[in-house]
Amino acid sequence: NLQSEITLQFAEQHQILTKKEQRVLADIQEKEKTILNTMEKNLGEIEGNLKSIQQDLLTLQQHIDQKDSVVFLKEAAGRKQRICDEPKPLSVVDEALPIEKFLCPVSFNPAFKEIYDGFKQVSITLDMETAHPWLDVSEDRKRVRWTRTRRSLPDTGKRFT
């Protein structure tokens, strides 16, 4: 029965798409976990750097309070010491979720590639006598192409117009 066959084919395609959806969602969740772990690690480092800088500032403030400001500045200039000699990046996350990997045009979407791969290939033989005047059937009668000009063909009674 044709209706049963069509229903079965759509059910198979639905199953392929459902599996693909589950894989893509799992990939997204895994990538999100990776990014979140990186963010938490980087945030911890930033918090550690901030605490270290706060401690250094507290120490400097104590030195300022213990000495005359001018004496402190002369001593500090003589030491030429900085709180942080090398700049540290303050980025919470180094990467972002690659949305383009998950949202792509239909023609490049892996789920649809699976659908196309699932179609059964059949061998065809086209009938030149029934071809539309705007269509050109190849010599081997396996391919057809749209022509930009209407061909003048004999009326065989079989031709689609």
Protein backbone atom coordinates (compact mmCIF):
# COMPACT_ATOMS: atom_id res chain seq x y z
CA ASN A 1 0.00 0.00 0.00
CA LEU A 2 1.46 3.38 -1.04
CA GLN A 3 0.17 5.21 2.03
CA SER A 4 1.76 2.68 4.36
CA GLU A 5 5.08 2.91 2.50
CA ILE A 6 5.07 6.72 2.70
CA THR A 7 4.18 6.62 6.40
CA LEU A 8 6.98 4.13 7.00
CA GLN A 9 9.52 6.28 5.13
CA PHE A 10 8.55 9.38 7.09
CA ALA A 11 8.75 7.41 10.35
CA GLU A 12 12.29 6.29 9.42
CA GLN A 13 13.30 9.88 8.58
CA HIS A 14 11.75 11.10 11.83
CA GLN A 15 13.77 8.51 13.73
CA ILE A 16 16.99 9.66 12.00
CA LEU A 17 16.23 13.30 12.83
CA THR A 18 15.37 12.46 16.44
CA LYS A 19 18.67 10.60 16.91
CA LYS A 20 20.56 13.46 15.27
CA GLU A 21 18.77 15.97 17.52
CA GLN A 22 19.77 13.97 20.60
CA ARG A 23 23.42 13.83 19.43
CA VAL A 24 23.53 17.57 18.69
CA LEU A 25 21.94 18.44 22.04
CA ALA A 26 24.42 16.16 23.83
CA ASP A 27 27.30 17.85 21.95
CA ILE A 28 25.98 21.28 22.98
CA GLN A 29 25.68 20.22 26.62
CA GLU A 30 29.22 18.81 26.58
CA LYS A 31 30.61 21.99 25.03
CA GLU A 32 28.70 24.11 27.55
CA LYS A 33 30.17 22.04 30.41
CA THR A 34 33.67 22.50 29.03
CA ILE A 35 33.18 26.26 28.70
CA LEU A 36 31.63 26.49 32.19
CA ASN A 37 34.55 24.56 33.73
CA THR A 38 37.01 26.88 31.98
CA MET A 39 35.05 29.91 33.20
CA GLU A 40 35.06 28.64 36.79
CA LYS A 41 38.81 27.93 36.64
CA ASN A 42 39.58 31.35 35.13
CA LEU A 43 37.29 33.09 37.62
CA GLY A 44 39.14 31.35 40.46
CA GLU A 45 42.47 32.60 39.08
CA ILE A 46 41.08 36.12 38.70
CA GLU A 47 39.80 36.06 42.29
CA GLY A 48 43.23 34.79 43.46
CA ASN A 49 44.98 37.59 41.55
CA LEU A 50 42.58 40.14 43.01
CA LYS A 51 43.22 38.91 46.56
CA SER A 52 46.97 39.06 45.96
CA ILE A 53 46.71 42.62 44.64
CA GLN A 54 44.50 43.62 47.57
CA GLN A 55 47.08 42.17 49.98
CA ASP A 56 49.88 44.07 48.21
CA LEU A 57 47.85 47.28 48.41
CA LEU A 58 47.18 46.71 52.11
CA THR A 59 50.90 46.19 52.70
CA LEU A 60 51.74 49.38 50.79
CA GLN A 61 49.10 51.31 52.74
CA GLN A 62 50.64 50.09 56.01
CA HIS A 63 54.08 51.29 54.81
CA ILE A 64 52.62 54.67 53.90
CA ASP A 65 50.92 54.96 57.28
CA GLN A 66 54.16 54.08 59.14
CA LYS A 67 56.31 56.62 57.28
CA ASP A 68 56.12 60.12 56.02
CA SER A 69 54.62 60.17 52.47
CA VAL A 70 57.68 61.87 50.95
CA VAL A 71 60.07 59.38 52.59
CA PHE A 72 57.89 56.48 51.43
CA LEU A 73 57.82 57.75 47.82
CA LYS A 74 61.62 58.20 47.78
CA GLU A 75 62.11 54.65 49.09
CA ALA A 76 59.54 53.22 46.65
CA ALA A 77 61.20 54.98 43.70
CA GLY A 78 64.55 53.55 44.79
CA ARG A 79 63.15 50.01 44.88
CA LYS A 80 61.49 50.29 41.45
CA GLN A 81 59.24 47.45 42.42
CA ARG A 82 55.77 47.06 41.01
CA ILE A 83 52.82 45.22 42.43
CA CYS A 84 52.51 43.12 39.28
CA ASP A 85 55.43 43.00 36.84
CA GLU A 86 53.64 41.05 34.13
CA PRO A 87 50.09 41.78 33.04
CA LYS A 88 47.67 38.94 33.49
CA PRO A 89 44.62 38.61 31.26
CA LEU A 90 41.35 39.06 33.08
CA SER A 91 39.17 36.99 30.79
CA VAL A 92 36.61 34.70 32.39
CA VAL A 93 36.33 32.51 29.29
CA ASP A 94 38.69 32.00 26.36
CA GLU A 95 36.16 30.53 23.97
CA ALA A 96 32.50 30.73 23.08
CA LEU A 97 29.90 28.19 22.05
CA PRO A 98 30.34 27.72 18.28
CA ILE A 99 26.73 28.33 17.29
CA GLU A 100 27.54 28.08 13.59
CA LYS A 101 28.52 24.45 14.15
CA PHE A 102 25.02 23.67 15.33
CA LEU A 103 23.01 26.04 13.12
CA CYS A 104 23.91 25.51 9.50
CA PRO A 105 22.05 25.77 6.21
CA VAL A 106 19.84 22.82 5.33
CA SER A 107 22.07 21.81 2.42
CA PHE A 108 25.07 21.47 4.77
CA ASN A 109 23.19 20.13 7.78
CA PRO A 110 24.45 16.64 8.69
CA ALA A 111 20.96 15.53 9.70
CA PHE A 112 19.65 16.25 6.23
CA LYS A 113 22.68 14.57 4.67
CA GLU A 114 21.65 11.42 6.54
CA ILE A 115 18.15 11.77 5.13
CA TYR A 116 19.46 12.17 1.60
CA ASP A 117 21.81 9.22 2.09
CA GLY A 118 18.79 7.20 3.24
CA PHE A 119 16.97 7.60 -0.06
CA LYS A 120 17.20 4.60 -2.32
CA GLN A 121 18.86 5.23 -5.64
CA VAL A 122 17.08 3.86 -8.65
CA SER A 123 18.04 3.55 -12.27
CA ILE A 124 15.79 5.50 -14.63
CA THR A 125 15.31 5.71 -18.36
CA LEU A 126 13.69 8.91 -19.59
CA ASP A 127 11.43 8.94 -22.62
CA MET A 128 12.41 11.62 -25.15
CA GLU A 129 8.95 11.45 -26.72
CA THR A 130 7.25 12.57 -23.50
CA ALA A 131 9.76 15.25 -22.43
CA HIS A 132 8.53 18.81 -22.05
CA PRO A 133 9.71 21.19 -24.84
CA TRP A 134 11.79 23.18 -22.32
CA LEU A 135 13.64 20.03 -21.19
CA ASP A 136 16.56 18.35 -22.93
CA VAL A 137 17.01 14.61 -22.32
CA SER A 138 20.60 13.33 -22.47
CA GLU A 139 21.73 10.80 -25.09
CA ASP A 140 21.92 8.03 -22.49
CA ARG A 141 18.39 9.01 -21.33
CA LYS A 142 19.51 9.15 -17.68
CA ARG A 143 19.67 12.94 -17.18
CA VAL A 144 17.52 15.92 -18.03
CA ARG A 145 18.32 19.63 -18.03
CA TRP A 146 16.27 22.78 -18.37
CA THR A 147 16.95 24.64 -21.61
CA ARG A 148 16.58 28.37 -22.01
CA THR A 149 14.74 27.99 -25.28
CA ARG A 150 11.60 26.11 -26.11
CA ARG A 151 12.29 23.37 -28.62
CA SER A 152 10.01 22.72 -31.53
CA LEU A 153 9.07 19.06 -31.26
CA PRO A 154 6.65 16.90 -33.17
CA ASP A 155 3.30 16.31 -31.48
CA THR A 156 3.37 12.63 -30.57
CA GLY A 157 0.33 12.75 -28.35
CA LYS A 158 2.52 11.46 -25.49
CA ARG A 159 4.35 14.71 -24.72
CA PHE A 160 3.67 16.76 -21.57
CA THR A 161 3.10 20.42 -22.38
